[in-house]
Every structure is written in structure tokens, then in C-alpha cells.
Amino acid sequence: YRSVEYMIQAAEGTKFHTTKILAVHNGTAAYLTEYGTIFNTSTLATYDVDISGGNIRLLSTPASSGITTYVISFTATKV
């Protein structure tokens, strides 16, 4: 798959953070744009993408040491 659209919902206690990410790769490098971000107190995570074994991966780094849970849905497109 060449491109992916992710819908990510993160939660930590009563805090929430929702965002969309569009990602694309050329086989050796991956690129993303993040948009449509909504949160009620602060950003719960940052996101990045990379290539591993020819596949694009979504990476997340939680903003705190609390327990952050994620629900991720995606649409992948093959060109």
C-alpha cells in the first residue's frame, strides 16, 4: 500500500485526543501530515511514520507516563 489515512483516538483517564493522519511512502521514506486534531485538555501523544520491511508503520509517543489507550482505524490505498 502506498498511502494510508489514519483516524486515531487516544484517551488517558478523562482526557481525550483525536486526530487524523495522511501518510505516504516511496519505498524508502515515509511522510505524513496531521490534521483535524481535537483534544479536551492537552495533546496526549505525538505521531510519526516510518518504513519497516517495505511497510509503512505508525509510531506513537505518549506525552506522559500515564496509561494512554488508543483506538486506530485506517484506510490503505494501493497504487
PDB file of N, CA and C in Angstrom:
ATOM      1  N   TYR A   1       0.827  -1.179   0.000  1.00  0.00           N
ATOM      2  CA  TYR A   1       0.000   0.000   0.000  1.00  0.00           C
ATOM      3  C   TYR A   1       0.876   1.250   0.000  1.00  0.00           C
ATOM      4  N   ARG A   2       0.517   2.196  -0.810  1.00  0.00           N
ATOM      5  CA  ARG A   2       1.316   3.408  -0.979  1.00  0.00           C
ATOM      6  C   ARG A   2       0.901   4.527  -0.030  1.00  0.00           C
ATOM      7  N   SER A   3      -0.388   4.605   0.311  1.00  0.00           N
ATOM      8  CA  SER A   3      -0.842   5.677   1.201  1.00  0.00           C
ATOM      9  C   SER A   3      -1.842   5.128   2.212  1.00  0.00           C
ATOM     10  N   VAL A   4      -1.897   5.825   3.352  1.00  0.00           N
ATOM     11  CA  VAL A   4      -2.778   5.405   4.442  1.00  0.00           C
ATOM     12  C   VAL A   4      -3.397   6.644   5.078  1.00  0.00           C
ATOM     13  N   GLU A   5      -4.679   6.554   5.427  1.00  0.00           N
ATOM     14  CA  GLU A   5      -5.323   7.579   6.232  1.00  0.00           C
ATOM     15  C   GLU A   5      -5.674   6.946   7.578  1.00  0.00           C
ATOM     16  N   TYR A   6      -5.129   7.499   8.648  1.00  0.00           N
ATOM     17  CA  TYR A   6      -5.387   7.007   9.997  1.00  0.00           C
ATOM     18  C   TYR A   6      -6.353   7.934  10.722  1.00  0.00           C
ATOM     19  N   MET A   7      -7.263   7.367  11.487  1.00  0.00           N
ATOM     20  CA  MET A   7      -8.101   8.090  12.445  1.00  0.00           C
ATOM     21  C   MET A   7      -7.697   7.533  13.796  1.00  0.00           C
ATOM     22  N   ILE A   8      -7.157   8.394  14.664  1.00  0.00           N
ATOM     23  CA  ILE A   8      -6.604   7.937  15.940  1.00  0.00           C
ATOM     24  C   ILE A   8      -7.363   8.593  17.086  1.00  0.00           C
ATOM     25  N   GLN A   9      -7.786   7.781  18.037  1.00  0.00           N
ATOM     26  CA  GLN A   9      -8.405   8.276  19.258  1.00  0.00           C
ATOM     27  C   GLN A   9      -7.552   7.793  20.430  1.00  0.00           C
ATOM     28  N   ALA A  10      -7.061   8.738  21.219  1.00  0.00           N
ATOM     29  CA  ALA A  10      -6.259   8.410  22.392  1.00  0.00           C
ATOM     30  C   ALA A  10      -7.014   8.875  23.627  1.00  0.00           C
ATOM     31  N   ALA A  11      -6.870   8.142  24.720  1.00  0.00           N
ATOM     32  CA  ALA A  11      -7.524   8.513  25.976  1.00  0.00           C
ATOM     33  C   ALA A  11      -6.597   8.198  27.138  1.00  0.00           C
ATOM     34  N   GLU A  12      -6.674   9.062  28.143  1.00  0.00           N
ATOM     35  CA  GLU A  12      -5.955   8.844  29.399  1.00  0.00           C
ATOM     36  C   GLU A  12      -6.856   9.379  30.510  1.00  0.00           C
ATOM     37  N   GLY A  13      -7.497   8.476  31.228  1.00  0.00           N
ATOM     38  CA  GLY A  13      -8.482   8.896  32.228  1.00  0.00           C
ATOM     39  C   GLY A  13      -9.631   9.622  31.538  1.00  0.00           C
ATOM     40  N   THR A  14      -9.898  10.868  31.961  1.00  0.00           N
ATOM     41  CA  THR A  14     -10.963  11.665  31.350  1.00  0.00           C
ATOM     42  C   THR A  14     -10.458  12.553  30.219  1.00  0.00           C
ATOM     43  N   LYS A  15      -9.169  12.500  29.917  1.00  0.00           N
ATOM     44  CA  LYS A  15      -8.601  13.285  28.816  1.00  0.00           C
ATOM     45  C   LYS A  15      -8.777  12.515  27.510  1.00  0.00           C
ATOM     46  N   PHE A  16      -9.008  13.237  26.414  1.00  0.00           N
ATOM     47  CA  PHE A  16      -9.084  12.575  25.113  1.00  0.00           C
ATOM     48  C   PHE A  16      -8.376  13.416  24.066  1.00  0.00           C
ATOM     49  N   HIS A  17      -8.006  12.775  22.994  1.00  0.00           N
ATOM     50  CA  HIS A  17      -7.257  13.393  21.898  1.00  0.00           C
ATOM     51  C   HIS A  17      -7.594  12.601  20.642  1.00  0.00           C
ATOM     52  N   THR A  18      -8.134  13.275  19.647  1.00  0.00           N
ATOM     53  CA  THR A  18      -8.479  12.643  18.375  1.00  0.00           C
ATOM     54  C   THR A  18      -7.780  13.390  17.254  1.00  0.00           C
ATOM     55  N   THR A  19      -7.242  12.667  16.282  1.00  0.00           N
ATOM     56  CA  THR A  19      -6.569  13.300  15.153  1.00  0.00           C
ATOM     57  C   THR A  19      -6.647  12.404  13.925  1.00  0.00           C
ATOM     58  N   LYS A  20      -6.421  13.000  12.768  1.00  0.00           N
ATOM     59  CA  LYS A  20      -6.311  12.251  11.513  1.00  0.00           C
ATOM     60  C   LYS A  20      -4.914  12.464  10.949  1.00  0.00           C
ATOM     61  N   ILE A  21      -4.391  11.433  10.326  1.00  0.00           N
ATOM     62  CA  ILE A  21      -3.068  11.491   9.701  1.00  0.00           C
ATOM     63  C   ILE A  21      -3.166  10.903   8.302  1.00  0.00           C
ATOM     64  N   LEU A  22      -2.631  11.624   7.330  1.00  0.00           N
ATOM     65  CA  LEU A  22      -2.429  11.097   5.983  1.00  0.00           C
ATOM     66  C   LEU A  22      -0.949  10.771   5.842  1.00  0.00           C
ATOM     67  N   ALA A  23      -0.644   9.578   5.394  1.00  0.00           N
ATOM     68  CA  ALA A  23       0.749   9.151   5.243  1.00  0.00           C
ATOM     69  C   ALA A  23       0.954   8.525   3.868  1.00  0.00           C
ATOM     70  N   VAL A  24       2.149   8.715   3.337  1.00  0.00           N
ATOM     71  CA  VAL A  24       2.514   8.145   2.041  1.00  0.00           C
ATOM     72  C   VAL A  24       3.990   7.753   2.107  1.00  0.00           C
ATOM     73  N   HIS A  25       4.384   6.789   1.282  1.00  0.00           N
ATOM     74  CA  HIS A  25       5.798   6.408   1.243  1.00  0.00           C
ATOM     75  C   HIS A  25       6.219   6.117  -0.189  1.00  0.00           C
ATOM     76  N   ASN A  26       7.536   6.179  -0.405  1.00  0.00           N
ATOM     77  CA  ASN A  26       8.096   5.902  -1.722  1.00  0.00           C
ATOM     78  C   ASN A  26       8.919   4.620  -1.728  1.00  0.00           C
ATOM     79  N   GLY A  27       8.786   3.813  -0.683  1.00  0.00           N
ATOM     80  CA  GLY A  27       9.537   2.571  -0.575  1.00  0.00           C
ATOM     81  C   GLY A  27      10.748   2.683   0.322  1.00  0.00           C
ATOM     82  N   THR A  28      11.281   3.893   0.496  1.00  0.00           N
ATOM     83  CA  THR A  28      12.435   4.091   1.369  1.00  0.00           C
ATOM     84  C   THR A  28      12.205   5.148   2.441  1.00  0.00           C
ATOM     85  N   ALA A  29      11.289   6.069   2.214  1.00  0.00           N
ATOM     86  CA  ALA A  29      10.988   7.120   3.188  1.00  0.00           C
ATOM     87  C   ALA A  29       9.472   7.285   3.288  1.00  0.00           C
ATOM     88  N   ALA A  30       9.013   7.674   4.475  1.00  0.00           N
ATOM     89  CA  ALA A  30       7.588   7.893   4.709  1.00  0.00           C
ATOM     90  C   ALA A  30       7.356   9.333   5.145  1.00  0.00           C
ATOM     91  N   TYR A  31       6.209   9.866   4.757  1.00  0.00           N
ATOM     92  CA  TYR A  31       5.877  11.260   5.050  1.00  0.00           C
ATOM     93  C   TYR A  31       4.455  11.313   5.589  1.00  0.00           C
ATOM     94  N   LEU A  32       4.178  12.309   6.452  1.00  0.00           N
ATOM     95  CA  LEU A  32       2.829  12.430   6.987  1.00  0.00           C
ATOM     96  C   LEU A  32       2.420  13.883   7.125  1.00  0.00           C
ATOM     97  N   THR A  33       1.123  14.080   7.162  1.00  0.00           N
ATOM     98  CA  THR A  33       0.531  15.346   7.569  1.00  0.00           C
ATOM     99  C   THR A  33      -0.572  15.005   8.555  1.00  0.00           C
ATOM    100  N   GLU A  34      -0.638  15.791   9.635  1.00  0.00           N
ATOM    101  CA  GLU A  34      -1.637  15.580  10.679  1.00  0.00           C
ATOM    102  C   GLU A  34      -2.630  16.736  10.630  1.00  0.00           C
ATOM    103  N   TYR A  35      -3.906  16.418  10.763  1.00  0.00           N
ATOM    104  CA  TYR A  35      -4.926  17.461  10.679  1.00  0.00           C
ATOM    105  C   TYR A  35      -6.152  17.038  11.483  1.00  0.00           C
ATOM    106  N   GLY A  36      -7.074  17.968  11.681  1.00  0.00           N
ATOM    107  CA  GLY A  36      -8.334  17.658  12.356  1.00  0.00           C
ATOM    108  C   GLY A  36      -8.147  17.250  13.802  1.00  0.00           C
ATOM    109  N   THR A  37      -7.139  17.797  14.470  1.00  0.00           N
ATOM    110  CA  THR A  37      -6.851  17.414  15.846  1.00  0.00           C
ATOM    111  C   THR A  37      -7.800  18.099  16.825  1.00  0.00           C
ATOM    112  N   ILE A  38      -8.350  17.310  17.742  1.00  0.00           N
ATOM    113  CA  ILE A  38      -9.232  17.814  18.796  1.00  0.00           C
ATOM    114  C   ILE A  38      -8.806  17.161  20.110  1.00  0.00           C
ATOM    115  N   PHE A  39      -8.686  17.961  21.173  1.00  0.00           N
ATOM    116  CA  PHE A  39      -8.413  17.402  22.492  1.00  0.00           C
ATOM    117  C   PHE A  39      -9.082  18.261  23.543  1.00  0.00           C
ATOM    118  N   ASN A  40      -9.349  17.688  24.728  1.00  0.00           N
ATOM    119  CA  ASN A  40     -10.070  18.453  25.738  1.00  0.00           C
ATOM    120  C   ASN A  40      -9.162  19.139  26.756  1.00  0.00           C
ATOM    121  N   THR A  41      -7.940  18.710  26.945  1.00  0.00           N
ATOM    122  CA  THR A  41      -7.040  19.394  27.878  1.00  0.00           C
ATOM    123  C   THR A  41      -5.668  19.645  27.264  1.00  0.00           C
ATOM    124  N   SER A  42      -5.059  18.619  26.719  1.00  0.00           N
ATOM    125  CA  SER A  42      -3.752  18.754  26.088  1.00  0.00           C
ATOM    126  C   SER A  42      -3.518  17.569  25.157  1.00  0.00           C
ATOM    127  N   THR A  43      -2.527  17.700  24.308  1.00  0.00           N
ATOM    128  CA  THR A  43      -2.160  16.620  23.397  1.00  0.00           C
ATOM    129  C   THR A  43      -1.676  15.423  24.203  1.00  0.00           C
ATOM    130  N   LEU A  44      -2.210  14.248  23.923  1.00  0.00           N
ATOM    131  CA  LEU A  44      -1.831  13.043  24.665  1.00  0.00           C
ATOM    132  C   LEU A  44      -0.692  12.268  24.023  1.00  0.00           C
ATOM    133  N   ALA A  45      -0.408  12.542  22.743  1.00  0.00           N
ATOM    134  CA  ALA A  45       0.649  11.788  22.068  1.00  0.00           C
ATOM    135  C   ALA A  45       1.099  12.552  20.830  1.00  0.00           C
ATOM    136  N   THR A  46       2.299  12.224  20.378  1.00  0.00           N
ATOM    137  CA  THR A  46       2.785  12.705  19.084  1.00  0.00           C
ATOM    138  C   THR A  46       2.930  11.484  18.180  1.00  0.00           C
ATOM    139  N   TYR A  47       2.870  11.723  16.882  1.00  0.00           N
ATOM    140  CA  TYR A  47       2.857  10.617  15.931  1.00  0.00           C
ATOM    141  C   TYR A  47       3.902  10.830  14.850  1.00  0.00           C
ATOM    142  N   ASP A  48       4.391   9.728  14.310  1.00  0.00           N
ATOM    143  CA  ASP A  48       5.335   9.744  13.209  1.00  0.00           C
ATOM    144  C   ASP A  48       5.091   8.483  12.387  1.00  0.00           C
ATOM    145  N   VAL A  49       5.680   8.403  11.220  1.00  0.00           N
ATOM    146  CA  VAL A  49       5.618   7.200  10.386  1.00  0.00           C
ATOM    147  C   VAL A  49       7.019   6.858   9.916  1.00  0.00           C
ATOM    148  N   ASP A  50       7.242   5.581   9.624  1.00  0.00           N
ATOM    149  CA  ASP A  50       8.499   5.151   9.025  1.00  0.00           C
ATOM    150  C   ASP A  50       8.241   3.934   8.147  1.00  0.00           C
ATOM    151  N   ILE A  51       9.304   3.434   7.543  1.00  0.00           N
ATOM    152  CA  ILE A  51       9.241   2.241   6.691  1.00  0.00           C
ATOM    153  C   ILE A  51       9.981   1.115   7.401  1.00  0.00           C
ATOM    154  N   SER A  52       9.357  -0.052   7.491  1.00  0.00           N
ATOM    155  CA  SER A  52       9.993  -1.228   8.078  1.00  0.00           C
ATOM    156  C   SER A  52       9.652  -2.427   7.208  1.00  0.00           C
ATOM    157  N   GLY A  53      10.662  -3.048   6.616  1.00  0.00           N
ATOM    158  CA  GLY A  53      10.431  -4.209   5.758  1.00  0.00           C
ATOM    159  C   GLY A  53       9.543  -3.895   4.568  1.00  0.00           C
ATOM    160  N   GLY A  54       9.609  -2.651   4.069  1.00  0.00           N
ATOM    161  CA  GLY A  54       8.802  -2.250   2.928  1.00  0.00           C
ATOM    162  C   GLY A  54       7.384  -1.834   3.281  1.00  0.00           C
ATOM    163  N   ASN A  55       7.046  -1.878   4.572  1.00  0.00           N
ATOM    164  CA  ASN A  55       5.714  -1.498   5.030  1.00  0.00           C
ATOM    165  C   ASN A  55       5.754  -0.192   5.816  1.00  0.00           C
ATOM    166  N   ILE A  56       4.731   0.611   5.683  1.00  0.00           N
ATOM    167  CA  ILE A  56       4.643   1.854   6.442  1.00  0.00           C
ATOM    168  C   ILE A  56       4.138   1.534   7.850  1.00  0.00           C
ATOM    169  N   ARG A  57       4.741   2.200   8.861  1.00  0.00           N
ATOM    170  CA  ARG A  57       4.330   1.980  10.253  1.00  0.00           C
ATOM    171  C   ARG A  57       3.946   3.311  10.883  1.00  0.00           C
ATOM    172  N   LEU A  58       2.932   3.282  11.720  1.00  0.00           N
ATOM    173  CA  LEU A  58       2.533   4.434  12.516  1.00  0.00           C
ATOM    174  C   LEU A  58       3.219   4.304  13.871  1.00  0.00           C
ATOM    175  N   LEU A  59       3.900   5.355  14.302  1.00  0.00           N
ATOM    176  CA  LEU A  59       4.599   5.367  15.586  1.00  0.00           C
ATOM    177  C   LEU A  59       3.941   6.402  16.491  1.00  0.00           C
ATOM    178  N   SER A  60       3.797   6.084  17.766  1.00  0.00           N
ATOM    179  CA  SER A  60       3.194   6.997  18.725  1.00  0.00           C
ATOM    180  C   SER A  60       4.071   7.119  19.950  1.00  0.00           C
ATOM    181  N   THR A  61       4.221   8.353  20.446  1.00  0.00           N
ATOM    182  CA  THR A  61       4.947   8.610  21.678  1.00  0.00           C
ATOM    183  C   THR A  61       3.989   9.309  22.642  1.00  0.00           C
ATOM    184  N   PRO A  62       3.620   8.644  23.751  1.00  0.00           N
ATOM    185  CA  PRO A  62       2.721   9.269  24.707  1.00  0.00           C
ATOM    186  C   PRO A  62       3.356  10.507  25.330  1.00  0.00           C
ATOM    187  N   ALA A  63       2.539  11.505  25.658  1.00  0.00           N
ATOM    188  CA  ALA A  63       3.033  12.750  26.239  1.00  0.00           C
ATOM    189  C   ALA A  63       3.326  12.620  27.731  1.00  0.00           C
ATOM    190  N   SER A  64       2.784  11.595  28.380  1.00  0.00           N
ATOM    191  CA  SER A  64       3.025  11.417  29.812  1.00  0.00           C
ATOM    192  C   SER A  64       3.266   9.943  30.103  1.00  0.00           C
ATOM    193  N   SER A  65       3.598   9.663  31.347  1.00  0.00           N
ATOM    194  CA  SER A  65       3.850   8.273  31.740  1.00  0.00           C
ATOM    195  C   SER A  65       2.570   7.563  32.178  1.00  0.00           C
ATOM    196  N   GLY A  66       1.421   8.262  32.094  1.00  0.00           N
ATOM    197  CA  GLY A  66       0.143   7.640  32.420  1.00  0.00           C
ATOM    198  C   GLY A  66      -0.227   6.582  31.392  1.00  0.00           C
ATOM    199  N   ILE A  67      -1.271   5.853  31.664  1.00  0.00           N
ATOM    200  CA  ILE A  67      -1.721   4.804  30.747  1.00  0.00           C
ATOM    201  C   ILE A  67      -2.560   5.448  29.648  1.00  0.00           C
ATOM    202  N   THR A  68      -2.019   5.475  28.451  1.00  0.00           N
ATOM    203  CA  THR A  68      -2.714   6.026  27.291  1.00  0.00           C
ATOM    204  C   THR A  68      -3.217   4.866  26.447  1.00  0.00           C
ATOM    205  N   THR A  69      -4.502   4.853  26.155  1.00  0.00           N
ATOM    206  CA  THR A  69      -5.070   3.816  25.297  1.00  0.00           C
ATOM    207  C   THR A  69      -5.393   4.428  23.938  1.00  0.00           C
ATOM    208  N   TYR A  70      -5.323   3.615  22.896  1.00  0.00           N
ATOM    209  CA  TYR A  70      -5.524   4.076  21.527  1.00  0.00           C
ATOM    210  C   TYR A  70      -6.566   3.219  20.823  1.00  0.00           C
ATOM    211  N   VAL A  71      -7.361   3.852  19.986  1.00  0.00           N
ATOM    212  CA  VAL A  71      -8.205   3.163  19.021  1.00  0.00           C
ATOM    213  C   VAL A  71      -7.808   3.754  17.668  1.00  0.00           C
ATOM    214  N   ILE A  72      -7.400   2.895  16.747  1.00  0.00           N
ATOM    215  CA  ILE A  72      -6.905   3.356  15.452  1.00  0.00           C
ATOM    216  C   ILE A  72      -7.685   2.650  14.354  1.00  0.00           C
ATOM    217  N   SER A  73      -8.234   3.438  13.451  1.00  0.00           N
ATOM    218  CA  SER A  73      -8.832   2.869  12.246  1.00  0.00           C
ATOM    219  C   SER A  73      -8.088   3.473  11.056  1.00  0.00           C
ATOM    220  N   PHE A  74      -8.046   2.736   9.960  1.00  0.00           N
ATOM    221  CA  PHE A  74      -7.298   3.238   8.808  1.00  0.00           C
ATOM    222  C   PHE A  74      -7.874   2.744   7.515  1.00  0.00           C
ATOM    223  N   THR A  75      -7.555   3.497   6.477  1.00  0.00           N
ATOM    224  CA  THR A  75      -7.854   3.120   5.101  1.00  0.00           C
ATOM    225  C   THR A  75      -6.544   3.144   4.346  1.00  0.00           C
ATOM    226  N   ALA A  76      -6.163   2.032   3.754  1.00  0.00           N
ATOM    227  CA  ALA A  76      -4.922   1.939   2.983  1.00  0.00           C
ATOM    228  C   ALA A  76      -5.271   1.867   1.491  1.00  0.00           C
ATOM    229  N   THR A  77      -4.454   2.543   0.690  1.00  0.00           N
ATOM    230  CA  THR A  77      -4.698   2.592  -0.755  1.00  0.00           C
ATOM    231  C   THR A  77      -3.474   2.074  -1.490  1.00  0.00           C
ATOM    232  N   LYS A  78      -3.704   1.144  -2.401  1.00  0.00           N
ATOM    233  CA  LYS A  78      -2.626   0.591  -3.216  1.00  0.00           C
ATOM    234  C   LYS A  78      -2.661   1.280  -4.575  1.00  0.00           C
ATOM    235  N   VAL A  79      -1.513   1.804  -5.010  1.00  0.00           N
ATOM    236  CA  VAL A  79      -1.445   2.493  -6.308  1.00  0.00           C
ATOM    237  C   VAL A  79      -0.681   1.637  -7.288  1.00  0.00           C
TER     238      VAL A  79
END
